Amino acid sequence: MPSYTLKDIKHNHTWDIVCSWDELQSILDEMPDVVQVLSAPRVVASVGSLNSKVPDGFKDVLNRIK
């Protein structure tokens, strides 16, 4: 699910929330002092190295090449 940043304009407090678009719209309708803050999307970069993602047979071929 996506993450959204919300701001309470009355108390100047911001927080992040993870919910669907429909849930976000219902939250914004129920709380008139809360607005959605425009922010860049959060992107998860790759984790681990290339060697941890290849099959064992390919690792054997790389070892024979060395």
N, C-alpha and C. Protein backbone atom coordinates (compact mmCIF):
# COMPACT_ATOMS: atom_id res chain seq x y z
N MET A 1 0.84 -1.19 0.00
CA MET A 1 0.00 0.00 0.00
C MET A 1 0.88 1.24 0.00
N PRO A 2 0.38 2.30 -0.58
CA PRO A 2 1.17 3.53 -0.62
C PRO A 2 1.20 4.25 0.72
N SER A 3 2.18 5.10 0.85
CA SER A 3 2.36 5.91 2.05
C SER A 3 2.05 7.36 1.70
N TYR A 4 1.28 8.02 2.56
CA TYR A 4 0.91 9.42 2.34
C TYR A 4 1.34 10.25 3.55
N THR A 5 1.68 11.51 3.31
CA THR A 5 2.02 12.44 4.37
C THR A 5 0.84 13.36 4.58
N LEU A 6 0.40 13.44 5.84
CA LEU A 6 -0.73 14.30 6.19
C LEU A 6 -0.26 15.40 7.12
N LYS A 7 -0.99 16.53 7.11
CA LYS A 7 -0.64 17.66 7.97
C LYS A 7 -1.89 18.22 8.59
N ASP A 8 -1.85 18.40 9.91
CA ASP A 8 -2.92 19.07 10.64
C ASP A 8 -2.60 20.56 10.60
N ILE A 9 -3.36 21.33 9.84
CA ILE A 9 -3.05 22.75 9.65
C ILE A 9 -3.35 23.57 10.90
N LYS A 10 -4.17 23.05 11.77
CA LYS A 10 -4.50 23.77 13.00
C LYS A 10 -3.35 23.69 14.01
N HIS A 11 -2.72 22.52 14.13
CA HIS A 11 -1.65 22.31 15.11
C HIS A 11 -0.27 22.22 14.47
N ASN A 12 -0.20 22.34 13.14
CA ASN A 12 1.06 22.30 12.40
C ASN A 12 1.84 21.02 12.70
N HIS A 13 1.15 19.89 12.66
CA HIS A 13 1.75 18.59 12.94
C HIS A 13 1.64 17.72 11.69
N THR A 14 2.76 17.08 11.27
CA THR A 14 2.74 16.21 10.10
C THR A 14 3.04 14.78 10.52
N TRP A 15 2.48 13.82 9.76
CA TRP A 15 2.75 12.40 10.01
C TRP A 15 2.51 11.63 8.73
N ASP A 16 3.05 10.42 8.70
CA ASP A 16 2.88 9.54 7.55
C ASP A 16 1.85 8.47 7.88
N ILE A 17 1.11 8.05 6.87
CA ILE A 17 0.10 7.02 7.03
C ILE A 17 0.16 6.09 5.84
N VAL A 18 -0.01 4.80 6.09
CA VAL A 18 -0.03 3.79 5.02
C VAL A 18 -1.46 3.29 4.91
N CYS A 19 -2.09 3.57 3.76
CA CYS A 19 -3.48 3.17 3.57
C CYS A 19 -3.80 3.21 2.08
N SER A 20 -4.98 2.73 1.73
CA SER A 20 -5.41 2.79 0.34
C SER A 20 -5.91 4.20 0.02
N TRP A 21 -6.12 4.47 -1.27
CA TRP A 21 -6.60 5.79 -1.69
C TRP A 21 -7.99 6.07 -1.13
N ASP A 22 -8.85 5.06 -1.11
CA ASP A 22 -10.21 5.24 -0.59
C ASP A 22 -10.19 5.55 0.90
N GLU A 23 -9.33 4.87 1.65
CA GLU A 23 -9.20 5.14 3.08
C GLU A 23 -8.67 6.56 3.32
N LEU A 24 -7.73 6.99 2.49
CA LEU A 24 -7.20 8.35 2.61
C LEU A 24 -8.30 9.37 2.40
N GLN A 25 -9.12 9.16 1.38
CA GLN A 25 -10.20 10.10 1.10
C GLN A 25 -11.21 10.16 2.24
N SER A 26 -11.51 9.03 2.87
CA SER A 26 -12.44 9.04 4.00
C SER A 26 -11.84 9.75 5.21
N ILE A 27 -10.53 9.59 5.42
CA ILE A 27 -9.85 10.30 6.52
C ILE A 27 -9.91 11.80 6.28
N LEU A 28 -9.63 12.23 5.06
CA LEU A 28 -9.64 13.65 4.74
C LEU A 28 -11.05 14.24 4.84
N ASP A 29 -12.07 13.45 4.52
CA ASP A 29 -13.45 13.92 4.65
C ASP A 29 -13.87 14.05 6.11
N GLU A 30 -13.41 13.13 6.96
CA GLU A 30 -13.79 13.13 8.38
C GLU A 30 -13.09 14.21 9.17
N MET A 31 -11.87 14.58 8.76
CA MET A 31 -11.08 15.57 9.49
C MET A 31 -10.81 16.78 8.59
N PRO A 32 -11.60 17.82 8.70
CA PRO A 32 -11.45 18.96 7.79
C PRO A 32 -10.15 19.76 7.98
N ASP A 33 -9.52 19.65 9.15
CA ASP A 33 -8.28 20.40 9.40
C ASP A 33 -7.04 19.67 8.89
N VAL A 34 -7.22 18.48 8.34
CA VAL A 34 -6.09 17.68 7.86
C VAL A 34 -6.05 17.75 6.34
N VAL A 35 -4.84 18.00 5.81
CA VAL A 35 -4.64 18.05 4.36
C VAL A 35 -3.51 17.11 3.99
N GLN A 36 -3.52 16.68 2.74
CA GLN A 36 -2.45 15.83 2.25
C GLN A 36 -1.30 16.72 1.77
N VAL A 37 -0.08 16.38 2.17
CA VAL A 37 1.10 17.12 1.78
C VAL A 37 1.69 16.47 0.53
N LEU A 38 1.95 17.27 -0.46
CA LEU A 38 2.56 16.78 -1.70
C LEU A 38 4.01 16.43 -1.42
N SER A 39 4.40 15.21 -1.74
CA SER A 39 5.79 14.78 -1.51
C SER A 39 6.20 13.84 -2.63
N ALA A 40 7.49 13.64 -2.75
CA ALA A 40 8.02 12.73 -3.76
C ALA A 40 7.74 11.29 -3.34
N PRO A 41 7.50 10.41 -4.28
CA PRO A 41 7.27 9.01 -3.92
C PRO A 41 8.51 8.38 -3.31
N ARG A 42 8.29 7.49 -2.39
CA ARG A 42 9.41 6.79 -1.75
C ARG A 42 9.74 5.56 -2.58
N VAL A 43 11.00 5.47 -2.97
CA VAL A 43 11.44 4.38 -3.83
C VAL A 43 12.40 3.51 -3.04
N VAL A 44 12.17 2.22 -3.08
CA VAL A 44 13.06 1.28 -2.40
C VAL A 44 14.11 0.84 -3.39
N ALA A 45 15.36 1.07 -3.02
CA ALA A 45 16.45 0.66 -3.89
C ALA A 45 16.71 -0.83 -3.70
N SER A 46 17.47 -1.40 -4.60
CA SER A 46 17.75 -2.83 -4.49
C SER A 46 18.55 -3.12 -3.23
N VAL A 47 18.29 -4.28 -2.69
CA VAL A 47 18.96 -4.71 -1.47
C VAL A 47 19.80 -5.92 -1.79
N GLY A 48 21.04 -5.92 -1.36
CA GLY A 48 21.92 -7.04 -1.63
C GLY A 48 22.72 -6.81 -2.90
N SER A 49 23.63 -7.74 -3.13
CA SER A 49 24.47 -7.62 -4.32
C SER A 49 23.92 -8.49 -5.44
N LEU A 50 24.50 -8.37 -6.60
CA LEU A 50 24.06 -9.15 -7.74
C LEU A 50 24.30 -10.64 -7.50
N ASN A 51 25.39 -10.97 -6.81
CA ASN A 51 25.71 -12.38 -6.57
C ASN A 51 24.67 -13.06 -5.69
N SER A 52 23.99 -12.33 -4.83
CA SER A 52 22.99 -12.95 -3.97
C SER A 52 21.69 -13.23 -4.71
N LYS A 53 21.53 -12.71 -5.93
CA LYS A 53 20.28 -12.85 -6.68
C LYS A 53 20.38 -13.81 -7.86
N VAL A 54 21.54 -14.33 -8.13
CA VAL A 54 21.70 -15.22 -9.27
C VAL A 54 21.63 -16.68 -8.80
N PRO A 55 21.23 -17.59 -9.67
CA PRO A 55 21.16 -19.00 -9.29
C PRO A 55 22.55 -19.59 -9.05
N ASP A 56 22.60 -20.70 -8.33
CA ASP A 56 23.88 -21.32 -7.99
C ASP A 56 24.65 -21.79 -9.22
N GLY A 57 23.95 -22.24 -10.25
CA GLY A 57 24.62 -22.69 -11.47
C GLY A 57 25.39 -21.57 -12.13
N PHE A 58 24.84 -20.37 -12.10
CA PHE A 58 25.54 -19.22 -12.68
C PHE A 58 26.77 -18.86 -11.85
N LYS A 59 26.70 -19.03 -10.53
CA LYS A 59 27.85 -18.77 -9.67
C LYS A 59 28.98 -19.75 -9.99
N ASP A 60 28.63 -21.03 -10.30
CA ASP A 60 29.64 -22.00 -10.68
C ASP A 60 30.32 -21.59 -11.97
N VAL A 61 29.55 -21.10 -12.94
CA VAL A 61 30.13 -20.64 -14.21
C VAL A 61 31.08 -19.47 -13.96
N LEU A 62 30.71 -18.55 -13.11
CA LEU A 62 31.59 -17.41 -12.81
C LEU A 62 32.88 -17.88 -12.16
N ASN A 63 32.80 -18.87 -11.28
CA ASN A 63 34.01 -19.39 -10.63
C ASN A 63 34.93 -20.08 -11.64
N ARG A 64 34.37 -20.78 -12.63
CA ARG A 64 35.19 -21.44 -13.65
C ARG A 64 35.84 -20.41 -14.56
N ILE A 65 35.19 -19.29 -14.79
CA ILE A 65 35.76 -18.23 -15.64
C ILE A 65 36.98 -17.62 -14.97
N LYS A 66 36.92 -17.45 -13.66
CA LYS A 66 38.05 -16.87 -12.93
C LYS A 66 39.24 -17.77 -13.08
